[in-house]
Amino acid sequence: MSKSLYERIGGHDGLSRLLHHFYSDVRQHHVIGPVFNERIQDWPAHLGVIENFWARQTGGPSTYGGGMGKHMALPIGPEHFSHWLGLWEFNCRKQLPSTEADEMIALAHQIAAHLQRMMSGRSGLSIG
């Protein structure tokens, strides 16, 4: 039986390390940083939620039960997704072995595409 992506990236510790580095970069980014920093008051709690989300996505243990609905009210457009994905790719390539980085990047692109489709129905916003 093959290992899950979660196991191959190092389980909780590997995922936590990736997310801490990634969100450190996000918080400092000139385009997407303000969107996150204006809304997230408790970064440790938010990272816990995000870690549970990514654990579920990668086949690990998770208590994540939310959806992506909270993103609908955010003032984000295509440029935000582009920057987010660029930082994600950079961090995955820096923190993970090549094969696992490729898988995590592909997964993030799928999630971003899904979220963009959801958000394209908002009035006044055109995605892509």
C-alpha atoms as a PDB file:
ATOM      1  CA  MET A   1       0.000   0.000   0.000  1.00  0.00           C
ATOM      2  CA  SER A   2       1.439   3.354  -1.001  1.00  0.00           C
ATOM      3  CA  LYS A   3       1.814   6.240   1.410  1.00  0.00           C
ATOM      4  CA  SER A   4      -0.523   9.218   1.282  1.00  0.00           C
ATOM      5  CA  LEU A   5       0.783  12.590   0.158  1.00  0.00           C
ATOM      6  CA  TYR A   6       0.335  13.701   3.769  1.00  0.00           C
ATOM      7  CA  GLU A   7       2.736  10.975   4.934  1.00  0.00           C
ATOM      8  CA  ARG A   8       5.206  11.684   2.145  1.00  0.00           C
ATOM      9  CA  ILE A   9       5.434  15.398   3.004  1.00  0.00           C
ATOM     10  CA  GLY A  10       6.240  14.546   6.610  1.00  0.00           C
ATOM     11  CA  GLY A  11       2.810  14.367   8.202  1.00  0.00           C
ATOM     12  CA  HIS A  12       1.853  17.019  10.730  1.00  0.00           C
ATOM     13  CA  ASP A  13       5.404  18.323  11.137  1.00  0.00           C
ATOM     14  CA  GLY A  14       6.106  18.612   7.418  1.00  0.00           C
ATOM     15  CA  LEU A  15       2.779  20.251   6.678  1.00  0.00           C
ATOM     16  CA  SER A  16       3.129  22.620   9.615  1.00  0.00           C
ATOM     17  CA  ARG A  17       6.626  23.653   8.494  1.00  0.00           C
ATOM     18  CA  LEU A  18       5.426  24.295   4.926  1.00  0.00           C
ATOM     19  CA  LEU A  19       2.427  26.342   6.054  1.00  0.00           C
ATOM     20  CA  HIS A  20       4.398  28.442   8.534  1.00  0.00           C
ATOM     21  CA  HIS A  21       6.959  29.397   5.896  1.00  0.00           C
ATOM     22  CA  PHE A  22       4.261  29.992   3.276  1.00  0.00           C
ATOM     23  CA  TYR A  23       2.048  32.172   5.470  1.00  0.00           C
ATOM     24  CA  SER A  24       5.063  34.109   6.726  1.00  0.00           C
ATOM     25  CA  ASP A  25       5.654  35.054   3.085  1.00  0.00           C
ATOM     26  CA  VAL A  26       1.942  35.705   2.509  1.00  0.00           C
ATOM     27  CA  ARG A  27       1.736  38.109   5.448  1.00  0.00           C
ATOM     28  CA  GLN A  28       4.623  40.158   4.048  1.00  0.00           C
ATOM     29  CA  HIS A  29       3.448  40.164   0.421  1.00  0.00           C
ATOM     30  CA  HIS A  30       2.493  43.583  -0.961  1.00  0.00           C
ATOM     31  CA  VAL A  31      -0.645  42.379  -2.812  1.00  0.00           C
ATOM     32  CA  ILE A  32      -2.111  39.508  -0.797  1.00  0.00           C
ATOM     33  CA  GLY A  33      -0.668  40.345   2.621  1.00  0.00           C
ATOM     34  CA  PRO A  34      -3.159  43.144   3.303  1.00  0.00           C
ATOM     35  CA  VAL A  35      -6.135  40.890   2.476  1.00  0.00           C
ATOM     36  CA  PHE A  36      -5.003  38.334   5.063  1.00  0.00           C
ATOM     37  CA  ASN A  37      -3.688  40.756   7.668  1.00  0.00           C
ATOM     38  CA  GLU A  38      -6.902  42.827   7.733  1.00  0.00           C
ATOM     39  CA  ARG A  39      -9.023  39.761   8.482  1.00  0.00           C
ATOM     40  CA  ILE A  40      -6.972  37.331  10.528  1.00  0.00           C
ATOM     41  CA  GLN A  41      -6.491  38.395  14.122  1.00  0.00           C
ATOM     42  CA  ASP A  42      -5.328  35.059  15.544  1.00  0.00           C
ATOM     43  CA  TRP A  43      -2.695  33.598  13.237  1.00  0.00           C
ATOM     44  CA  PRO A  44      -1.963  30.473  15.335  1.00  0.00           C
ATOM     45  CA  ALA A  45      -5.667  29.553  15.286  1.00  0.00           C
ATOM     46  CA  HIS A  46      -5.928  30.276  11.557  1.00  0.00           C
ATOM     47  CA  LEU A  47      -2.884  28.128  10.826  1.00  0.00           C
ATOM     48  CA  GLY A  48      -4.519  25.299  12.765  1.00  0.00           C
ATOM     49  CA  VAL A  49      -7.614  25.532  10.565  1.00  0.00           C
ATOM     50  CA  ILE A  50      -5.526  25.721   7.391  1.00  0.00           C
ATOM     51  CA  GLU A  51      -3.409  22.781   8.506  1.00  0.00           C
ATOM     52  CA  ASN A  52      -6.557  20.703   9.011  1.00  0.00           C
ATOM     53  CA  PHE A  53      -7.760  21.746   5.555  1.00  0.00           C
ATOM     54  CA  TRP A  54      -4.488  20.683   3.902  1.00  0.00           C
ATOM     55  CA  ALA A  55      -4.308  17.486   5.968  1.00  0.00           C
ATOM     56  CA  ARG A  56      -7.708  16.518   4.560  1.00  0.00           C
ATOM     57  CA  GLN A  57      -6.642  17.419   1.016  1.00  0.00           C
ATOM     58  CA  THR A  58      -3.501  15.290   1.252  1.00  0.00           C
ATOM     59  CA  GLY A  59      -5.024  12.195   2.860  1.00  0.00           C
ATOM     60  CA  GLY A  60      -4.101  12.862   6.467  1.00  0.00           C
ATOM     61  CA  PRO A  61      -6.124  12.973   9.671  1.00  0.00           C
ATOM     62  CA  SER A  62      -8.328  16.027   9.820  1.00  0.00           C
ATOM     63  CA  THR A  63     -11.134  17.591  11.773  1.00  0.00           C
ATOM     64  CA  TYR A  64     -11.754  20.190   9.052  1.00  0.00           C
ATOM     65  CA  GLY A  65     -15.437  20.485   8.337  1.00  0.00           C
ATOM     66  CA  GLY A  66     -15.652  23.878   6.661  1.00  0.00           C
ATOM     67  CA  GLY A  67     -16.034  24.887   3.088  1.00  0.00           C
ATOM     68  CA  MET A  68     -14.765  27.799   1.075  1.00  0.00           C
ATOM     69  CA  GLY A  69     -17.744  30.084   1.675  1.00  0.00           C
ATOM     70  CA  LYS A  70     -15.809  32.577   3.787  1.00  0.00           C
ATOM     71  CA  HIS A  71     -13.732  33.447   0.738  1.00  0.00           C
ATOM     72  CA  MET A  72     -16.796  34.735  -1.115  1.00  0.00           C
ATOM     73  CA  ALA A  73     -16.796  38.098   0.676  1.00  0.00           C
ATOM     74  CA  LEU A  74     -13.098  38.756   0.157  1.00  0.00           C
ATOM     75  CA  PRO A  75     -11.981  41.543  -2.181  1.00  0.00           C
ATOM     76  CA  ILE A  76      -9.869  39.255  -4.339  1.00  0.00           C
ATOM     77  CA  GLY A  77      -9.446  38.809  -8.050  1.00  0.00           C
ATOM     78  CA  PRO A  78      -7.233  36.944 -10.512  1.00  0.00           C
ATOM     79  CA  GLU A  79      -4.083  38.793  -9.478  1.00  0.00           C
ATOM     80  CA  HIS A  80      -4.520  37.602  -5.884  1.00  0.00           C
ATOM     81  CA  PHE A  81      -4.762  33.988  -6.995  1.00  0.00           C
ATOM     82  CA  SER A  82      -1.692  34.415  -9.169  1.00  0.00           C
ATOM     83  CA  HIS A  83       0.396  35.772  -6.299  1.00  0.00           C
ATOM     84  CA  TRP A  84      -0.918  33.161  -3.856  1.00  0.00           C
ATOM     85  CA  LEU A  85      -0.087  30.329  -6.248  1.00  0.00           C
ATOM     86  CA  GLY A  86       3.361  31.793  -6.950  1.00  0.00           C
ATOM     87  CA  LEU A  87       4.214  31.900  -3.251  1.00  0.00           C
ATOM     88  CA  TRP A  88       2.792  28.403  -2.787  1.00  0.00           C
ATOM     89  CA  GLU A  89       4.941  27.037  -5.607  1.00  0.00           C
ATOM     90  CA  PHE A  90       8.052  28.770  -4.258  1.00  0.00           C
ATOM     91  CA  ASN A  91       7.505  27.374  -0.761  1.00  0.00           C
ATOM     92  CA  CYS A  92       6.634  23.866  -1.931  1.00  0.00           C
ATOM     93  CA  ARG A  93       9.773  23.736  -4.069  1.00  0.00           C
ATOM     94  CA  LYS A  94      11.859  25.028  -1.150  1.00  0.00           C
ATOM     95  CA  GLN A  95      10.388  22.776   1.560  1.00  0.00           C
ATOM     96  CA  LEU A  96       9.448  19.519  -0.188  1.00  0.00           C
ATOM     97  CA  PRO A  97      11.018  16.865  -2.392  1.00  0.00           C
ATOM     98  CA  SER A  98      10.369  17.445  -6.104  1.00  0.00           C
ATOM     99  CA  THR A  99       7.617  14.851  -6.598  1.00  0.00           C
ATOM    100  CA  GLU A 100       5.667  15.935  -3.521  1.00  0.00           C
ATOM    101  CA  ALA A 101       6.140  19.613  -4.406  1.00  0.00           C
ATOM    102  CA  ASP A 102       4.664  18.936  -7.850  1.00  0.00           C
ATOM    103  CA  GLU A 103       1.669  17.186  -6.280  1.00  0.00           C
ATOM    104  CA  MET A 104       1.062  19.950  -3.742  1.00  0.00           C
ATOM    105  CA  ILE A 105       1.319  22.593  -6.461  1.00  0.00           C
ATOM    106  CA  ALA A 106      -1.129  20.725  -8.698  1.00  0.00           C
ATOM    107  CA  LEU A 107      -3.521  20.345  -5.776  1.00  0.00           C
ATOM    108  CA  ALA A 108      -3.331  24.079  -5.014  1.00  0.00           C
ATOM    109  CA  HIS A 109      -4.088  24.903  -8.649  1.00  0.00           C
ATOM    110  CA  GLN A 110      -7.161  22.656  -8.530  1.00  0.00           C
ATOM    111  CA  ILE A 111      -8.362  24.300  -5.322  1.00  0.00           C
ATOM    112  CA  ALA A 112      -7.730  27.793  -6.721  1.00  0.00           C
ATOM    113  CA  ALA A 113      -9.596  26.954  -9.933  1.00  0.00           C
ATOM    114  CA  HIS A 114     -12.555  25.660  -7.924  1.00  0.00           C
ATOM    115  CA  LEU A 115     -12.610  28.760  -5.741  1.00  0.00           C
ATOM    116  CA  GLN A 116     -12.341  31.044  -8.765  1.00  0.00           C
ATOM    117  CA  ARG A 117     -15.310  29.271 -10.379  1.00  0.00           C
ATOM    118  CA  MET A 118     -17.293  29.746  -7.172  1.00  0.00           C
ATOM    119  CA  MET A 119     -16.361  33.408  -6.995  1.00  0.00           C
ATOM    120  CA  SER A 120     -17.003  34.162 -10.661  1.00  0.00           C
ATOM    121  CA  GLY A 121     -20.703  34.305  -9.873  1.00  0.00           C
ATOM    122  CA  ARG A 122     -20.308  37.261  -7.538  1.00  0.00           C
ATOM    123  CA  SER A 123     -21.763  40.448  -8.950  1.00  0.00           C
ATOM    124  CA  GLY A 124     -19.200  42.900 -10.257  1.00  0.00           C
ATOM    125  CA  LEU A 125     -16.310  40.436 -10.357  1.00  0.00           C
ATOM    126  CA  SER A 126     -14.840  38.791 -13.362  1.00  0.00           C
ATOM    127  CA  ILE A 127     -12.346  36.000 -12.720  1.00  0.00           C
ATOM    128  CA  GLY A 128      -9.937  35.064 -15.469  1.00  0.00           C
END
